[in-house]
Each structure stands twice: as C-alpha cells, then as structure tokens.
Amino acid sequence: MQQKIPKPVIELKFSSHFELFIAVLLSARSRDTQVNKITKKLFIQASNPRDMLNLGRKKIIYHIRSIGLYKKKTEFIIKSCQILVRKFHGNIPSNRRNLELLPGIGRKSANVILNTAFNKKTIGVDTHVLRVSNRLGLSNSNSPKLVEHQLITRIPKKFILNSHIWLVLHGRYVCKSRHPLCKNCSLNDLCSYRIKIS
C-alpha cells in the first residue's frame, strides 16, 4: 500500500483541528463525500467553537439535516463546543482522555483525530479497517478495541502512522464488503479471503 499511496490523506475536508473534529463527528454512519458537501457550507458560517455556538441549534440542523442522526449530532456539536470553550479555551485536546470527554467522540473518532491532527501513532478501527485487517490476517476479532491492539502490536512502527488511512482506503475502494476487487488487489497474495471466494 505504501508504494501505491506513499502519502495517504483522510478524505474528509478541513482546514483546522476544529473543522476536522466536526467532520469526524459528522462522519459517524455517514459517507465522507456527504459530510464534505455539508461542511463546505457549514464551515463558512462557523469554523470555531464560539461561532458554532452562535450559529445555534436551528441553523446547525439546517446545515446537517441531510445526514443520518442529524438531531443527535446537533446536540453533540453544541455540547462539545460548550466544553471546548469552557474547558479547553476553544482548542481541540491532543490526548485521548480529553477527546473522549466530548459528546459524540468515542475511541475510534479520538484515534482518527489524534492521528490526523497530531501525528499520533493511533489506528481508528471502523468497519473498513476491521474487515481488511481480518481478511489479511492482521487481526482475528470483531472487537474494535482488540483489533486496534492487534494492529498496533503487529504492524511495524514505521508504518503505523499511515496504517489507518491505508486500511480505510483499501477497504473503501478495493477490499469491499460484498464485492471485493480481488483481481485488482496488490495484497491478494497475502490474503486468505481471496481463496475463500475463488
């Protein structure tokens, strides 16, 4: 994967740690392409926690209403922005414990933010990462936390920083859930799943 994508980047669009935070929060159970359409307009109106709070519930709902769980995500945004202003001076925390204090941010989302914003060697385990890592034999569990631990201990340290994005992109475009493109896969010689579906 390193040869095909030497410098992988997350597909969410953002220009600050706060915008990344909002995009990651909105991306739960939603496609990155849809989130990018929403945030393109939303971030013109509000690109920091104070502006987001000033925007208010109704306008936030107006901007994000086209994605799933938009009412719950609106509440997460408002409560998180309140905490960011009150406790963190409007800045996004750079450690997992404080990130997970923010409503809507669990371990996976915290790992994505830590990795993308702060270059921490974390791996956010979503459905793509879980599927690809199990098919490649890098993990053998359906528990995201256990898969994360297995990946961190099995992937050479020099590759961990980019591993999350490599695995996501591979799962999204090649190692798909229902119809994996095994013939186009540069990793099929390492994959036992290819043999099962042949």
C-alpha atoms as a PDB file:
ATOM      1  CA  MET A   1       0.000   0.000   0.000  1.00  0.00           C
ATOM      2  CA  GLN A   2       2.881   2.342   0.699  1.00  0.00           C
ATOM      3  CA  GLN A   3       4.028   2.070  -2.940  1.00  0.00           C
ATOM      4  CA  LYS A   4       0.583   2.896  -4.330  1.00  0.00           C
ATOM      5  CA  ILE A   5      -0.201   5.653  -1.823  1.00  0.00           C
ATOM      6  CA  PRO A   6       3.054   6.879  -0.246  1.00  0.00           C
ATOM      7  CA  LYS A   7       1.403   9.853   1.473  1.00  0.00           C
ATOM      8  CA  PRO A   8      -2.205   8.916   2.233  1.00  0.00           C
ATOM      9  CA  VAL A   9      -4.626  11.601   3.392  1.00  0.00           C
ATOM     10  CA  ILE A  10      -8.007  11.374   5.030  1.00  0.00           C
ATOM     11  CA  GLU A  11     -10.880  12.079   2.620  1.00  0.00           C
ATOM     12  CA  LEU A  12     -12.679  14.467   4.956  1.00  0.00           C
ATOM     13  CA  LYS A  13     -12.066  18.118   4.048  1.00  0.00           C
ATOM     14  CA  PHE A  14     -10.927  20.505   6.780  1.00  0.00           C
ATOM     15  CA  SER A  15      -8.557  23.419   7.378  1.00  0.00           C
ATOM     16  CA  SER A  16      -8.176  23.351  11.176  1.00  0.00           C
ATOM     17  CA  HIS A  17      -8.250  20.939  14.088  1.00  0.00           C
ATOM     18  CA  PHE A  18     -11.750  22.139  14.968  1.00  0.00           C
ATOM     19  CA  GLU A  19     -13.031  21.549  11.436  1.00  0.00           C
ATOM     20  CA  LEU A  20     -11.504  18.066  11.498  1.00  0.00           C
ATOM     21  CA  PHE A  21     -13.224  17.417  14.821  1.00  0.00           C
ATOM     22  CA  ILE A  22     -16.631  18.448  13.438  1.00  0.00           C
ATOM     23  CA  ALA A  23     -16.110  16.444  10.232  1.00  0.00           C
ATOM     24  CA  VAL A  24     -15.157  13.307  12.168  1.00  0.00           C
ATOM     25  CA  LEU A  25     -18.155  13.734  14.469  1.00  0.00           C
ATOM     26  CA  LEU A  26     -20.487  14.096  11.473  1.00  0.00           C
ATOM     27  CA  SER A  27     -18.932  11.142   9.644  1.00  0.00           C
ATOM     28  CA  ALA A  28     -20.343   8.538  12.046  1.00  0.00           C
ATOM     29  CA  ARG A  29     -22.642   6.352   9.918  1.00  0.00           C
ATOM     30  CA  SER A  30     -22.342   8.834   7.054  1.00  0.00           C
ATOM     31  CA  ARG A  31     -20.244   8.935   3.911  1.00  0.00           C
ATOM     32  CA  ASP A  32     -17.265  11.269   3.780  1.00  0.00           C
ATOM     33  CA  THR A  33     -18.484  12.671   0.456  1.00  0.00           C
ATOM     34  CA  GLN A  34     -21.782  13.711   2.050  1.00  0.00           C
ATOM     35  CA  VAL A  35     -20.026  15.169   5.086  1.00  0.00           C
ATOM     36  CA  ASN A  36     -17.759  17.213   2.790  1.00  0.00           C
ATOM     37  CA  LYS A  37     -20.788  18.686   0.991  1.00  0.00           C
ATOM     38  CA  ILE A  38     -22.255  19.744   4.332  1.00  0.00           C
ATOM     39  CA  THR A  39     -19.084  21.116   5.904  1.00  0.00           C
ATOM     40  CA  LYS A  40     -18.166  23.134   2.814  1.00  0.00           C
ATOM     41  CA  LYS A  41     -21.104  25.432   3.618  1.00  0.00           C
ATOM     42  CA  LEU A  42     -21.142  24.947   7.392  1.00  0.00           C
ATOM     43  CA  PHE A  43     -17.517  25.995   7.897  1.00  0.00           C
ATOM     44  CA  ILE A  44     -18.126  29.280   6.064  1.00  0.00           C
ATOM     45  CA  GLN A  45     -20.654  30.085   8.797  1.00  0.00           C
ATOM     46  CA  ALA A  46     -18.759  28.591  11.749  1.00  0.00           C
ATOM     47  CA  SER A  47     -15.131  27.466  11.820  1.00  0.00           C
ATOM     48  CA  ASN A  48     -14.525  27.554  15.579  1.00  0.00           C
ATOM     49  CA  PRO A  49     -16.468  26.530  18.713  1.00  0.00           C
ATOM     50  CA  ARG A  50     -17.724  30.031  19.595  1.00  0.00           C
ATOM     51  CA  ASP A  51     -19.032  30.693  16.093  1.00  0.00           C
ATOM     52  CA  MET A  52     -20.712  27.269  16.090  1.00  0.00           C
ATOM     53  CA  LEU A  53     -22.485  28.061  19.359  1.00  0.00           C
ATOM     54  CA  ASN A  54     -23.511  31.457  17.991  1.00  0.00           C
ATOM     55  CA  LEU A  55     -24.909  29.749  14.898  1.00  0.00           C
ATOM     56  CA  GLY A  56     -27.408  27.991  17.147  1.00  0.00           C
ATOM     57  CA  ARG A  57     -29.320  24.720  17.080  1.00  0.00           C
ATOM     58  CA  LYS A  58     -31.756  25.579  14.267  1.00  0.00           C
ATOM     59  CA  LYS A  59     -29.064  26.697  11.831  1.00  0.00           C
ATOM     60  CA  ILE A  60     -26.820  23.735  12.647  1.00  0.00           C
ATOM     61  CA  ILE A  61     -29.751  21.400  11.969  1.00  0.00           C
ATOM     62  CA  TYR A  62     -30.419  23.263   8.716  1.00  0.00           C
ATOM     63  CA  HIS A  63     -26.838  22.639   7.550  1.00  0.00           C
ATOM     64  CA  ILE A  64     -26.540  18.976   8.579  1.00  0.00           C
ATOM     65  CA  ARG A  65     -30.113  17.725   8.098  1.00  0.00           C
ATOM     66  CA  SER A  66     -29.205  15.628   5.046  1.00  0.00           C
ATOM     67  CA  ILE A  67     -27.128  13.119   7.048  1.00  0.00           C
ATOM     68  CA  GLY A  68     -28.199  10.382   9.413  1.00  0.00           C
ATOM     69  CA  LEU A  69     -28.704  11.085  13.118  1.00  0.00           C
ATOM     70  CA  TYR A  70     -28.580  14.813  12.445  1.00  0.00           C
ATOM     71  CA  LYS A  71     -30.586  15.742  15.560  1.00  0.00           C
ATOM     72  CA  LYS A  72     -28.316  13.744  17.848  1.00  0.00           C
ATOM     73  CA  LYS A  73     -25.222  15.066  16.069  1.00  0.00           C
ATOM     74  CA  THR A  74     -26.501  18.619  16.532  1.00  0.00           C
ATOM     75  CA  GLU A  75     -26.699  18.029  20.284  1.00  0.00           C
ATOM     76  CA  PHE A  76     -23.201  16.520  20.252  1.00  0.00           C
ATOM     77  CA  ILE A  77     -21.852  19.560  18.395  1.00  0.00           C
ATOM     78  CA  ILE A  78     -23.449  22.047  20.802  1.00  0.00           C
ATOM     79  CA  LYS A  79     -22.396  20.206  23.976  1.00  0.00           C
ATOM     80  CA  SER A  80     -18.882  19.587  22.645  1.00  0.00           C
ATOM     81  CA  CYS A  81     -18.440  23.235  21.662  1.00  0.00           C
ATOM     82  CA  GLN A  82     -19.585  24.306  25.122  1.00  0.00           C
ATOM     83  CA  ILE A  83     -16.953  22.037  26.701  1.00  0.00           C
ATOM     84  CA  LEU A  84     -14.271  23.199  24.252  1.00  0.00           C
ATOM     85  CA  VAL A  85     -14.913  26.851  25.104  1.00  0.00           C
ATOM     86  CA  ARG A  86     -15.273  26.315  28.849  1.00  0.00           C
ATOM     87  CA  LYS A  87     -12.553  23.773  29.496  1.00  0.00           C
ATOM     88  CA  PHE A  88     -10.063  23.915  26.600  1.00  0.00           C
ATOM     89  CA  HIS A  89     -10.056  27.609  25.541  1.00  0.00           C
ATOM     90  CA  GLY A  90     -11.611  26.639  22.206  1.00  0.00           C
ATOM     91  CA  ASN A  91      -8.797  24.234  21.310  1.00  0.00           C
ATOM     92  CA  ILE A  92      -9.113  20.572  20.374  1.00  0.00           C
ATOM     93  CA  PRO A  93      -7.417  18.394  23.026  1.00  0.00           C
ATOM     94  CA  SER A  94      -4.374  16.423  21.915  1.00  0.00           C
ATOM     95  CA  ASN A  95      -4.935  13.388  24.143  1.00  0.00           C
ATOM     96  CA  ARG A  96      -7.476  10.580  24.111  1.00  0.00           C
ATOM     97  CA  ARG A  97      -8.797  11.089  27.640  1.00  0.00           C
ATOM     98  CA  ASN A  98      -9.852  14.672  26.978  1.00  0.00           C
ATOM     99  CA  LEU A  99     -11.116  13.969  23.469  1.00  0.00           C
ATOM    100  CA  GLU A 100     -13.407  11.263  24.812  1.00  0.00           C
ATOM    101  CA  LEU A 101     -14.937  13.804  27.212  1.00  0.00           C
ATOM    102  CA  LEU A 102     -16.535  15.414  24.158  1.00  0.00           C
ATOM    103  CA  PRO A 103     -20.020  14.084  23.294  1.00  0.00           C
ATOM    104  CA  GLY A 104     -20.036  12.079  20.068  1.00  0.00           C
ATOM    105  CA  ILE A 105     -16.349  11.196  20.261  1.00  0.00           C
ATOM    106  CA  GLY A 106     -15.547   7.602  21.112  1.00  0.00           C
ATOM    107  CA  ARG A 107     -12.290   5.712  20.898  1.00  0.00           C
ATOM    108  CA  LYS A 108     -12.320   5.326  17.108  1.00  0.00           C
ATOM    109  CA  SER A 109     -13.040   9.007  16.458  1.00  0.00           C
ATOM    110  CA  ALA A 110     -10.468  10.063  19.046  1.00  0.00           C
ATOM    111  CA  ASN A 111      -7.865   7.894  17.311  1.00  0.00           C
ATOM    112  CA  VAL A 112      -8.657   9.449  13.940  1.00  0.00           C
ATOM    113  CA  ILE A 113      -8.297  12.967  15.355  1.00  0.00           C
ATOM    114  CA  LEU A 114      -5.093  12.121  17.234  1.00  0.00           C
ATOM    115  CA  ASN A 115      -3.610  10.525  14.119  1.00  0.00           C
ATOM    116  CA  THR A 116      -4.669  13.174  11.610  1.00  0.00           C
ATOM    117  CA  ALA A 117      -4.328  16.362  13.646  1.00  0.00           C
ATOM    118  CA  PHE A 118      -1.477  15.489  15.998  1.00  0.00           C
ATOM    119  CA  ASN A 119       0.502  12.794  14.119  1.00  0.00           C
ATOM    120  CA  LYS A 120      -0.012  10.273  16.912  1.00  0.00           C
ATOM    121  CA  LYS A 121       0.551   6.619  16.043  1.00  0.00           C
ATOM    122  CA  THR A 122      -3.056   5.565  16.562  1.00  0.00           C
ATOM    123  CA  ILE A 123      -5.387   3.468  14.431  1.00  0.00           C
ATOM    124  CA  GLY A 124      -9.104   4.187  14.322  1.00  0.00           C
ATOM    125  CA  VAL A 125     -10.904   0.896  13.763  1.00  0.00           C
ATOM    126  CA  ASP A 126     -14.017   1.384  11.646  1.00  0.00           C
ATOM    127  CA  THR A 127     -15.814  -1.243   9.549  1.00  0.00           C
ATOM    128  CA  HIS A 128     -13.276  -0.938   6.711  1.00  0.00           C
ATOM    129  CA  VAL A 129     -10.250  -1.336   8.972  1.00  0.00           C
ATOM    130  CA  LEU A 130     -11.838  -4.255  10.816  1.00  0.00           C
ATOM    131  CA  ARG A 131     -12.793  -6.057   7.599  1.00  0.00           C
ATOM    132  CA  VAL A 132      -9.463  -5.576   5.820  1.00  0.00           C
ATOM    133  CA  SER A 133      -7.318  -6.437   8.823  1.00  0.00           C
ATOM    134  CA  ASN A 134      -9.285  -9.639   9.443  1.00  0.00           C
ATOM    135  CA  ARG A 135      -9.139 -10.675   5.796  1.00  0.00           C
ATOM    136  CA  LEU A 136      -5.392 -10.074   5.695  1.00  0.00           C
ATOM    137  CA  GLY A 137      -4.829 -11.978   8.921  1.00  0.00           C
ATOM    138  CA  LEU A 138      -3.563  -8.905  10.771  1.00  0.00           C
ATOM    139  CA  SER A 139      -6.337  -9.434  13.312  1.00  0.00           C
ATOM    140  CA  ASN A 140      -8.800 -12.145  14.247  1.00  0.00           C
ATOM    141  CA  SER A 141     -11.528 -10.372  16.190  1.00  0.00           C
ATOM    142  CA  ASN A 142     -14.741  -8.410  15.743  1.00  0.00           C
ATOM    143  CA  SER A 143     -13.920  -6.224  18.750  1.00  0.00           C
ATOM    144  CA  PRO A 144     -12.621  -2.837  17.525  1.00  0.00           C
ATOM    145  CA  LYS A 145     -10.522  -2.354  20.660  1.00  0.00           C
ATOM    146  CA  LEU A 146      -8.898  -5.781  20.323  1.00  0.00           C
ATOM    147  CA  VAL A 147      -8.319  -5.283  16.584  1.00  0.00           C
ATOM    148  CA  GLU A 148      -6.682  -1.924  17.347  1.00  0.00           C
ATOM    149  CA  HIS A 149      -4.372  -3.592  19.874  1.00  0.00           C
ATOM    150  CA  GLN A 150      -3.501  -6.376  17.427  1.00  0.00           C
ATOM    151  CA  LEU A 151      -2.723  -3.894  14.637  1.00  0.00           C
ATOM    152  CA  ILE A 152      -0.572  -1.694  16.870  1.00  0.00           C
ATOM    153  CA  THR A 153       1.466  -4.698  18.008  1.00  0.00           C
ATOM    154  CA  ARG A 154       1.725  -6.420  14.588  1.00  0.00           C
ATOM    155  CA  ILE A 155       2.309  -3.544  12.159  1.00  0.00           C
ATOM    156  CA  PRO A 156       5.912  -2.292  12.085  1.00  0.00           C
ATOM    157  CA  LYS A 157       6.178   1.026  13.951  1.00  0.00           C
ATOM    158  CA  LYS A 158       7.348   2.949  10.896  1.00  0.00           C
ATOM    159  CA  PHE A 159       4.028   2.178   9.134  1.00  0.00           C
ATOM    160  CA  ILE A 160       1.574   2.756  11.998  1.00  0.00           C
ATOM    161  CA  LEU A 161       1.105   6.484  11.399  1.00  0.00           C
ATOM    162  CA  ASN A 162      -0.366   5.887   7.929  1.00  0.00           C
ATOM    163  CA  SER A 163      -1.954   2.491   8.549  1.00  0.00           C
ATOM    164  CA  HIS A 164      -5.412   3.770   9.444  1.00  0.00           C
ATOM    165  CA  ILE A 165      -5.802   5.679   6.177  1.00  0.00           C
ATOM    166  CA  TRP A 166      -4.231   2.914   4.078  1.00  0.00           C
ATOM    167  CA  LEU A 167      -6.632   0.335   5.520  1.00  0.00           C
ATOM    168  CA  VAL A 168      -9.671   2.614   5.150  1.00  0.00           C
ATOM    169  CA  LEU A 169      -8.898   3.463   1.521  1.00  0.00           C
ATOM    170  CA  HIS A 170      -8.176  -0.174   0.689  1.00  0.00           C
ATOM    171  CA  GLY A 171     -11.447  -1.247   2.276  1.00  0.00           C
ATOM    172  CA  ARG A 172     -13.439   1.517   0.648  1.00  0.00           C
ATOM    173  CA  TYR A 173     -12.188   1.047  -2.916  1.00  0.00           C
ATOM    174  CA  VAL A 174     -10.702  -2.447  -3.257  1.00  0.00           C
ATOM    175  CA  CYS A 175     -11.470  -4.814  -0.385  1.00  0.00           C
ATOM    176  CA  LYS A 176     -15.181  -4.012  -0.379  1.00  0.00           C
ATOM    177  CA  SER A 177     -17.622  -5.793   1.885  1.00  0.00           C
ATOM    178  CA  ARG A 178     -19.818  -7.541  -0.696  1.00  0.00           C
ATOM    179  CA  HIS A 179     -17.890  -7.465  -3.941  1.00  0.00           C
ATOM    180  CA  PRO A 180     -14.156  -7.170  -3.222  1.00  0.00           C
ATOM    181  CA  LEU A 181     -11.979  -6.430  -6.236  1.00  0.00           C
ATOM    182  CA  CYS A 182      -9.566  -9.280  -5.545  1.00  0.00           C
ATOM    183  CA  LYS A 183      -8.170  -9.313  -9.094  1.00  0.00           C
ATOM    184  CA  ASN A 184      -7.101  -5.679  -8.689  1.00  0.00           C
ATOM    185  CA  CYS A 185      -5.720  -6.119  -5.183  1.00  0.00           C
ATOM    186  CA  SER A 186      -1.999  -5.647  -4.660  1.00  0.00           C
ATOM    187  CA  LEU A 187      -2.256  -7.638  -1.423  1.00  0.00           C
ATOM    188  CA  ASN A 188      -4.076 -10.724  -2.680  1.00  0.00           C
ATOM    189  CA  ASP A 189      -1.007 -12.914  -2.264  1.00  0.00           C
ATOM    190  CA  LEU A 190      -1.239 -12.204   1.485  1.00  0.00           C
ATOM    191  CA  CYS A 191      -4.992 -12.672   1.736  1.00  0.00           C
ATOM    192  CA  SER A 192      -6.803 -15.858   2.732  1.00  0.00           C
ATOM    193  CA  TYR A 193     -10.218 -14.307   1.933  1.00  0.00           C
ATOM    194  CA  ARG A 194      -9.378 -14.340  -1.801  1.00  0.00           C
ATOM    195  CA  ILE A 195      -9.040 -18.131  -1.631  1.00  0.00           C
ATOM    196  CA  LYS A 196     -12.422 -18.487   0.116  1.00  0.00           C
ATOM    197  CA  ILE A 197     -14.322 -16.638  -2.601  1.00  0.00           C
ATOM    198  CA  SER A 198     -12.459 -18.111  -5.595  1.00  0.00           C
END
